[in-house]
């Protein structure tokens, strides 16, 4: 039997109304987000003691003025304030599992040593013992927070809480 011709269906008009909540200027949001992530910020003297690649230049061994920040779990070192404004870091080292300690054996005062998990080692000189204490405390706080986050994730994986979210458990 031949098929009956179908009647064309009339077009359906659908109106979609999307309400997008007004948000502040994206540049302002980024500034807020950025400032929330900066845990410490200041001008220090720095000296590189060791690099993981071993290619330490003579100039690295000298004390150099730098602008340093703790940002998003990372120690970020800028050559100067201009490089900071342009966000052009000279060095970036993770704080996770770092070693940080006051180094009283140095001839200079207010020195602390920082060694990252990747093997870079710096010495930093602060202007006062209060500033020294502040930097060491902030770095340890960030390090301990980062380490606890990793431990927390490892505990969840070990308990099987995250097993459903892994690629291998499809």
C-alpha atoms as a PDB file:
ATOM      1  CA  UNK A   1       0.000   0.000   0.000  1.00  0.00           C
ATOM      2  CA  UNK A   2       1.354   3.405  -0.886  1.00  0.00           C
ATOM      3  CA  UNK A   3       2.239   5.676   1.995  1.00  0.00           C
ATOM      4  CA  UNK A   4      -0.039   8.582   2.674  1.00  0.00           C
ATOM      5  CA  UNK A   5       1.589  11.944   2.184  1.00  0.00           C
ATOM      6  CA  UNK A   6       2.233  13.667   5.486  1.00  0.00           C
ATOM      7  CA  UNK A   7       0.821  17.049   6.230  1.00  0.00           C
ATOM      8  CA  UNK A   8       3.533  19.575   6.916  1.00  0.00           C
ATOM      9  CA  UNK A   9       3.672  20.512  10.565  1.00  0.00           C
ATOM     10  CA  UNK A  10       3.488  24.187  11.321  1.00  0.00           C
ATOM     11  CA  UNK A  11       6.728  25.735  12.637  1.00  0.00           C
ATOM     12  CA  UNK A  12       6.921  26.181  16.382  1.00  0.00           C
ATOM     13  CA  UNK A  13       8.146  29.507  17.699  1.00  0.00           C
ATOM     14  CA  UNK A  14      10.082  29.223  20.917  1.00  0.00           C
ATOM     15  CA  UNK A  15      11.300  32.275  22.736  1.00  0.00           C
ATOM     16  CA  UNK A  16      14.213  31.886  25.105  1.00  0.00           C
ATOM     17  CA  UNK A  17      14.896  34.549  27.681  1.00  0.00           C
ATOM     18  CA  UNK A  18      18.240  34.348  29.387  1.00  0.00           C
ATOM     19  CA  UNK A  19      18.970  36.537  32.333  1.00  0.00           C
ATOM     20  CA  UNK A  20      22.652  37.038  32.838  1.00  0.00           C
ATOM     21  CA  UNK A  21      23.399  38.423  36.269  1.00  0.00           C
ATOM     22  CA  UNK A  22      25.404  41.584  36.050  1.00  0.00           C
ATOM     23  CA  UNK A  23      28.929  41.076  37.261  1.00  0.00           C
ATOM     24  CA  UNK A  24      31.599  43.570  38.125  1.00  0.00           C
ATOM     25  CA  UNK A  25      34.236  44.552  35.645  1.00  0.00           C
ATOM     26  CA  UNK A  26      36.311  41.397  34.843  1.00  0.00           C
ATOM     27  CA  UNK A  27      39.507  43.369  35.465  1.00  0.00           C
ATOM     28  CA  UNK A  28      38.286  44.130  38.983  1.00  0.00           C
ATOM     29  CA  UNK A  29      37.444  40.451  39.551  1.00  0.00           C
ATOM     30  CA  UNK A  30      40.954  39.443  38.533  1.00  0.00           C
ATOM     31  CA  UNK A  31      42.459  42.031  40.872  1.00  0.00           C
ATOM     32  CA  UNK A  32      40.385  40.692  43.765  1.00  0.00           C
ATOM     33  CA  UNK A  33      41.249  37.101  42.892  1.00  0.00           C
ATOM     34  CA  UNK A  34      44.928  37.987  42.548  1.00  0.00           C
ATOM     35  CA  UNK A  35      45.060  39.884  45.820  1.00  0.00           C
ATOM     36  CA  UNK A  36      43.327  37.002  47.610  1.00  0.00           C
ATOM     37  CA  UNK A  37      46.021  34.635  46.430  1.00  0.00           C
ATOM     38  CA  UNK A  38      49.003  36.770  47.504  1.00  0.00           C
ATOM     39  CA  UNK A  39      49.988  35.651  51.004  1.00  0.00           C
ATOM     40  CA  UNK A  40      53.097  37.784  51.405  1.00  0.00           C
ATOM     41  CA  UNK A  41      54.814  40.464  49.390  1.00  0.00           C
ATOM     42  CA  UNK A  42      57.971  42.509  49.874  1.00  0.00           C
ATOM     43  CA  UNK A  43      61.443  43.621  48.887  1.00  0.00           C
ATOM     44  CA  UNK A  44      64.311  41.425  50.038  1.00  0.00           C
ATOM     45  CA  UNK A  45      67.906  40.632  49.199  1.00  0.00           C
ATOM     46  CA  UNK A  46      68.376  37.231  47.604  1.00  0.00           C
ATOM     47  CA  UNK A  47      71.249  34.943  46.791  1.00  0.00           C
ATOM     48  CA  UNK A  48      71.006  31.656  44.902  1.00  0.00           C
ATOM     49  CA  UNK A  49      72.923  28.928  46.691  1.00  0.00           C
ATOM     50  CA  UNK A  50      72.071  25.940  44.507  1.00  0.00           C
ATOM     51  CA  UNK A  51      70.169  25.120  41.324  1.00  0.00           C
ATOM     52  CA  UNK A  52      68.943  21.650  40.378  1.00  0.00           C
ATOM     53  CA  UNK A  53      70.778  21.923  37.047  1.00  0.00           C
ATOM     54  CA  UNK A  54      74.023  22.911  38.759  1.00  0.00           C
ATOM     55  CA  UNK A  55      74.545  25.871  36.402  1.00  0.00           C
ATOM     56  CA  UNK A  56      75.155  28.510  39.051  1.00  0.00           C
ATOM     57  CA  UNK A  57      76.526  31.743  37.588  1.00  0.00           C
ATOM     58  CA  UNK A  58      78.917  33.994  39.483  1.00  0.00           C
ATOM     59  CA  UNK A  59      76.237  36.720  39.499  1.00  0.00           C
ATOM     60  CA  UNK A  60      73.785  34.329  41.212  1.00  0.00           C
ATOM     61  CA  UNK A  61      76.140  34.068  44.180  1.00  0.00           C
ATOM     62  CA  UNK A  62      75.920  37.810  44.851  1.00  0.00           C
ATOM     63  CA  UNK A  63      73.263  39.422  47.013  1.00  0.00           C
ATOM     64  CA  UNK A  64      70.653  41.014  44.753  1.00  0.00           C
ATOM     65  CA  UNK A  65      67.611  43.116  45.560  1.00  0.00           C
ATOM     66  CA  UNK A  66      64.341  41.479  44.488  1.00  0.00           C
ATOM     67  CA  UNK A  67      60.600  41.725  44.941  1.00  0.00           C
ATOM     68  CA  UNK A  68      59.164  38.494  46.305  1.00  0.00           C
ATOM     69  CA  UNK A  69      55.589  37.214  46.671  1.00  0.00           C
ATOM     70  CA  UNK A  70      53.925  34.075  47.906  1.00  0.00           C
ATOM     71  CA  UNK A  71      51.229  33.409  45.339  1.00  0.00           C
ATOM     72  CA  UNK A  72      49.061  30.317  44.858  1.00  0.00           C
ATOM     73  CA  UNK A  73      51.425  28.034  46.767  1.00  0.00           C
ATOM     74  CA  UNK A  74      54.483  29.323  44.949  1.00  0.00           C
ATOM     75  CA  UNK A  75      57.404  31.526  45.917  1.00  0.00           C
ATOM     76  CA  UNK A  76      57.592  34.053  43.073  1.00  0.00           C
ATOM     77  CA  UNK A  77      60.667  36.247  42.678  1.00  0.00           C
ATOM     78  CA  UNK A  78      60.661  39.340  40.488  1.00  0.00           C
ATOM     79  CA  UNK A  79      63.703  41.339  39.458  1.00  0.00           C
ATOM     80  CA  UNK A  80      62.001  44.572  40.566  1.00  0.00           C
ATOM     81  CA  UNK A  81      58.650  46.295  41.031  1.00  0.00           C
ATOM     82  CA  UNK A  82      58.265  46.943  37.280  1.00  0.00           C
ATOM     83  CA  UNK A  83      58.533  43.230  36.538  1.00  0.00           C
ATOM     84  CA  UNK A  84      55.998  42.608  39.314  1.00  0.00           C
ATOM     85  CA  UNK A  85      53.518  45.031  37.714  1.00  0.00           C
ATOM     86  CA  UNK A  86      54.016  43.316  34.354  1.00  0.00           C
ATOM     87  CA  UNK A  87      53.863  39.878  36.047  1.00  0.00           C
ATOM     88  CA  UNK A  88      57.217  38.799  34.606  1.00  0.00           C
ATOM     89  CA  UNK A  89      58.755  36.588  37.294  1.00  0.00           C
ATOM     90  CA  UNK A  90      62.457  35.870  37.342  1.00  0.00           C
ATOM     91  CA  UNK A  91      62.053  32.658  39.374  1.00  0.00           C
ATOM     92  CA  UNK A  92      59.108  30.564  40.575  1.00  0.00           C
ATOM     93  CA  UNK A  93      59.506  27.718  43.041  1.00  0.00           C
ATOM     94  CA  UNK A  94      56.816  25.532  44.624  1.00  0.00           C
ATOM     95  CA  UNK A  95      56.400  25.828  48.379  1.00  0.00           C
ATOM     96  CA  UNK A  96      54.989  22.293  48.671  1.00  0.00           C
ATOM     97  CA  UNK A  97      57.411  20.160  50.739  1.00  0.00           C
ATOM     98  CA  UNK A  98      59.968  22.996  50.909  1.00  0.00           C
ATOM     99  CA  UNK A  99      62.468  23.487  53.692  1.00  0.00           C
ATOM    100  CA  UNK A 100      62.674  26.915  55.279  1.00  0.00           C
ATOM    101  CA  UNK A 101      64.809  27.906  58.237  1.00  0.00           C
ATOM    102  CA  UNK A 102      66.451  30.897  59.831  1.00  0.00           C
ATOM    103  CA  UNK A 103      70.181  30.799  59.114  1.00  0.00           C
ATOM    104  CA  UNK A 104      71.994  32.352  62.082  1.00  0.00           C
ATOM    105  CA  UNK A 105      75.419  31.170  60.854  1.00  0.00           C
ATOM    106  CA  UNK A 106      75.652  33.912  58.230  1.00  0.00           C
ATOM    107  CA  UNK A 107      77.688  37.086  58.702  1.00  0.00           C
ATOM    108  CA  UNK A 108      74.678  39.133  57.627  1.00  0.00           C
ATOM    109  CA  UNK A 109      71.661  39.491  59.906  1.00  0.00           C
ATOM    110  CA  UNK A 110      68.040  38.442  59.319  1.00  0.00           C
ATOM    111  CA  UNK A 111      68.770  35.608  56.876  1.00  0.00           C
ATOM    112  CA  UNK A 112      66.564  32.650  56.048  1.00  0.00           C
ATOM    113  CA  UNK A 113      67.238  29.743  53.756  1.00  0.00           C
ATOM    114  CA  UNK A 114      64.619  28.333  51.381  1.00  0.00           C
ATOM    115  CA  UNK A 115      65.016  25.004  49.572  1.00  0.00           C
ATOM    116  CA  UNK A 116      62.308  23.933  47.156  1.00  0.00           C
ATOM    117  CA  UNK A 117      61.233  20.377  46.352  1.00  0.00           C
ATOM    118  CA  UNK A 118      62.886  20.752  42.928  1.00  0.00           C
ATOM    119  CA  UNK A 119      66.248  21.442  44.567  1.00  0.00           C
ATOM    120  CA  UNK A 120      66.700  25.185  44.150  1.00  0.00           C
ATOM    121  CA  UNK A 121      68.162  26.773  47.266  1.00  0.00           C
ATOM    122  CA  UNK A 122      68.076  30.469  48.092  1.00  0.00           C
ATOM    123  CA  UNK A 123      69.104  32.677  50.965  1.00  0.00           C
ATOM    124  CA  UNK A 124      67.031  35.768  51.653  1.00  0.00           C
ATOM    125  CA  UNK A 125      67.903  38.745  53.797  1.00  0.00           C
ATOM    126  CA  UNK A 126      65.132  40.714  55.485  1.00  0.00           C
ATOM    127  CA  UNK A 127      65.430  44.227  56.916  1.00  0.00           C
ATOM    128  CA  UNK A 128      64.475  43.254  60.471  1.00  0.00           C
ATOM    129  CA  UNK A 129      63.949  40.260  62.717  1.00  0.00           C
ATOM    130  CA  UNK A 130      60.175  40.944  62.635  1.00  0.00           C
ATOM    131  CA  UNK A 131      60.166  40.816  58.825  1.00  0.00           C
ATOM    132  CA  UNK A 132      62.277  37.641  58.949  1.00  0.00           C
ATOM    133  CA  UNK A 133      59.825  36.027  61.358  1.00  0.00           C
ATOM    134  CA  UNK A 134      56.894  37.067  59.156  1.00  0.00           C
ATOM    135  CA  UNK A 135      58.368  35.575  55.962  1.00  0.00           C
ATOM    136  CA  UNK A 136      59.369  32.296  57.607  1.00  0.00           C
ATOM    137  CA  UNK A 137      55.943  31.984  59.271  1.00  0.00           C
ATOM    138  CA  UNK A 138      54.043  32.729  56.040  1.00  0.00           C
ATOM    139  CA  UNK A 139      56.091  30.251  54.004  1.00  0.00           C
ATOM    140  CA  UNK A 140      55.582  27.550  56.649  1.00  0.00           C
ATOM    141  CA  UNK A 141      51.834  28.265  56.799  1.00  0.00           C
ATOM    142  CA  UNK A 142      51.480  27.954  53.030  1.00  0.00           C
ATOM    143  CA  UNK A 143      53.702  24.854  52.954  1.00  0.00           C
ATOM    144  CA  UNK A 144      51.746  23.162  55.742  1.00  0.00           C
ATOM    145  CA  UNK A 145      48.437  24.062  54.083  1.00  0.00           C
ATOM    146  CA  UNK A 146      49.609  22.689  50.712  1.00  0.00           C
ATOM    147  CA  UNK A 147      50.942  19.521  52.373  1.00  0.00           C
ATOM    148  CA  UNK A 148      47.669  18.997  54.282  1.00  0.00           C
ATOM    149  CA  UNK A 149      45.672  19.403  51.051  1.00  0.00           C
ATOM    150  CA  UNK A 150      47.783  16.699  49.397  1.00  0.00           C
ATOM    151  CA  UNK A 151      47.438  14.436  52.440  1.00  0.00           C
ATOM    152  CA  UNK A 152      43.678  15.021  52.480  1.00  0.00           C
ATOM    153  CA  UNK A 153      43.398  14.037  48.801  1.00  0.00           C
ATOM    154  CA  UNK A 154      45.595  10.974  49.341  1.00  0.00           C
ATOM    155  CA  UNK A 155      43.449   9.892  52.293  1.00  0.00           C
ATOM    156  CA  UNK A 156      40.293  10.198  50.169  1.00  0.00           C
ATOM    157  CA  UNK A 157      41.829   8.153  47.356  1.00  0.00           C
ATOM    158  CA  UNK A 158      42.992   5.547  49.863  1.00  0.00           C
ATOM    159  CA  UNK A 159      39.485   5.312  51.353  1.00  0.00           C
ATOM    160  CA  UNK A 160      37.949   4.875  47.908  1.00  0.00           C
ATOM    161  CA  UNK A 161      35.964   8.128  48.126  1.00  0.00           C
ATOM    162  CA  UNK A 162      37.334   9.333  44.810  1.00  0.00           C
ATOM    163  CA  UNK A 163      37.314   5.963  43.049  1.00  0.00           C
ATOM    164  CA  UNK A 164      34.203   6.862  41.061  1.00  0.00           C
ATOM    165  CA  UNK A 165      35.925   9.942  39.688  1.00  0.00           C
ATOM    166  CA  UNK A 166      38.985   8.207  38.290  1.00  0.00           C
ATOM    167  CA  UNK A 167      39.365   7.238  34.642  1.00  0.00           C
ATOM    168  CA  UNK A 168      40.250   3.641  35.473  1.00  0.00           C
ATOM    169  CA  UNK A 169      36.926   2.862  37.144  1.00  0.00           C
ATOM    170  CA  UNK A 170      34.648   3.189  34.107  1.00  0.00           C
END
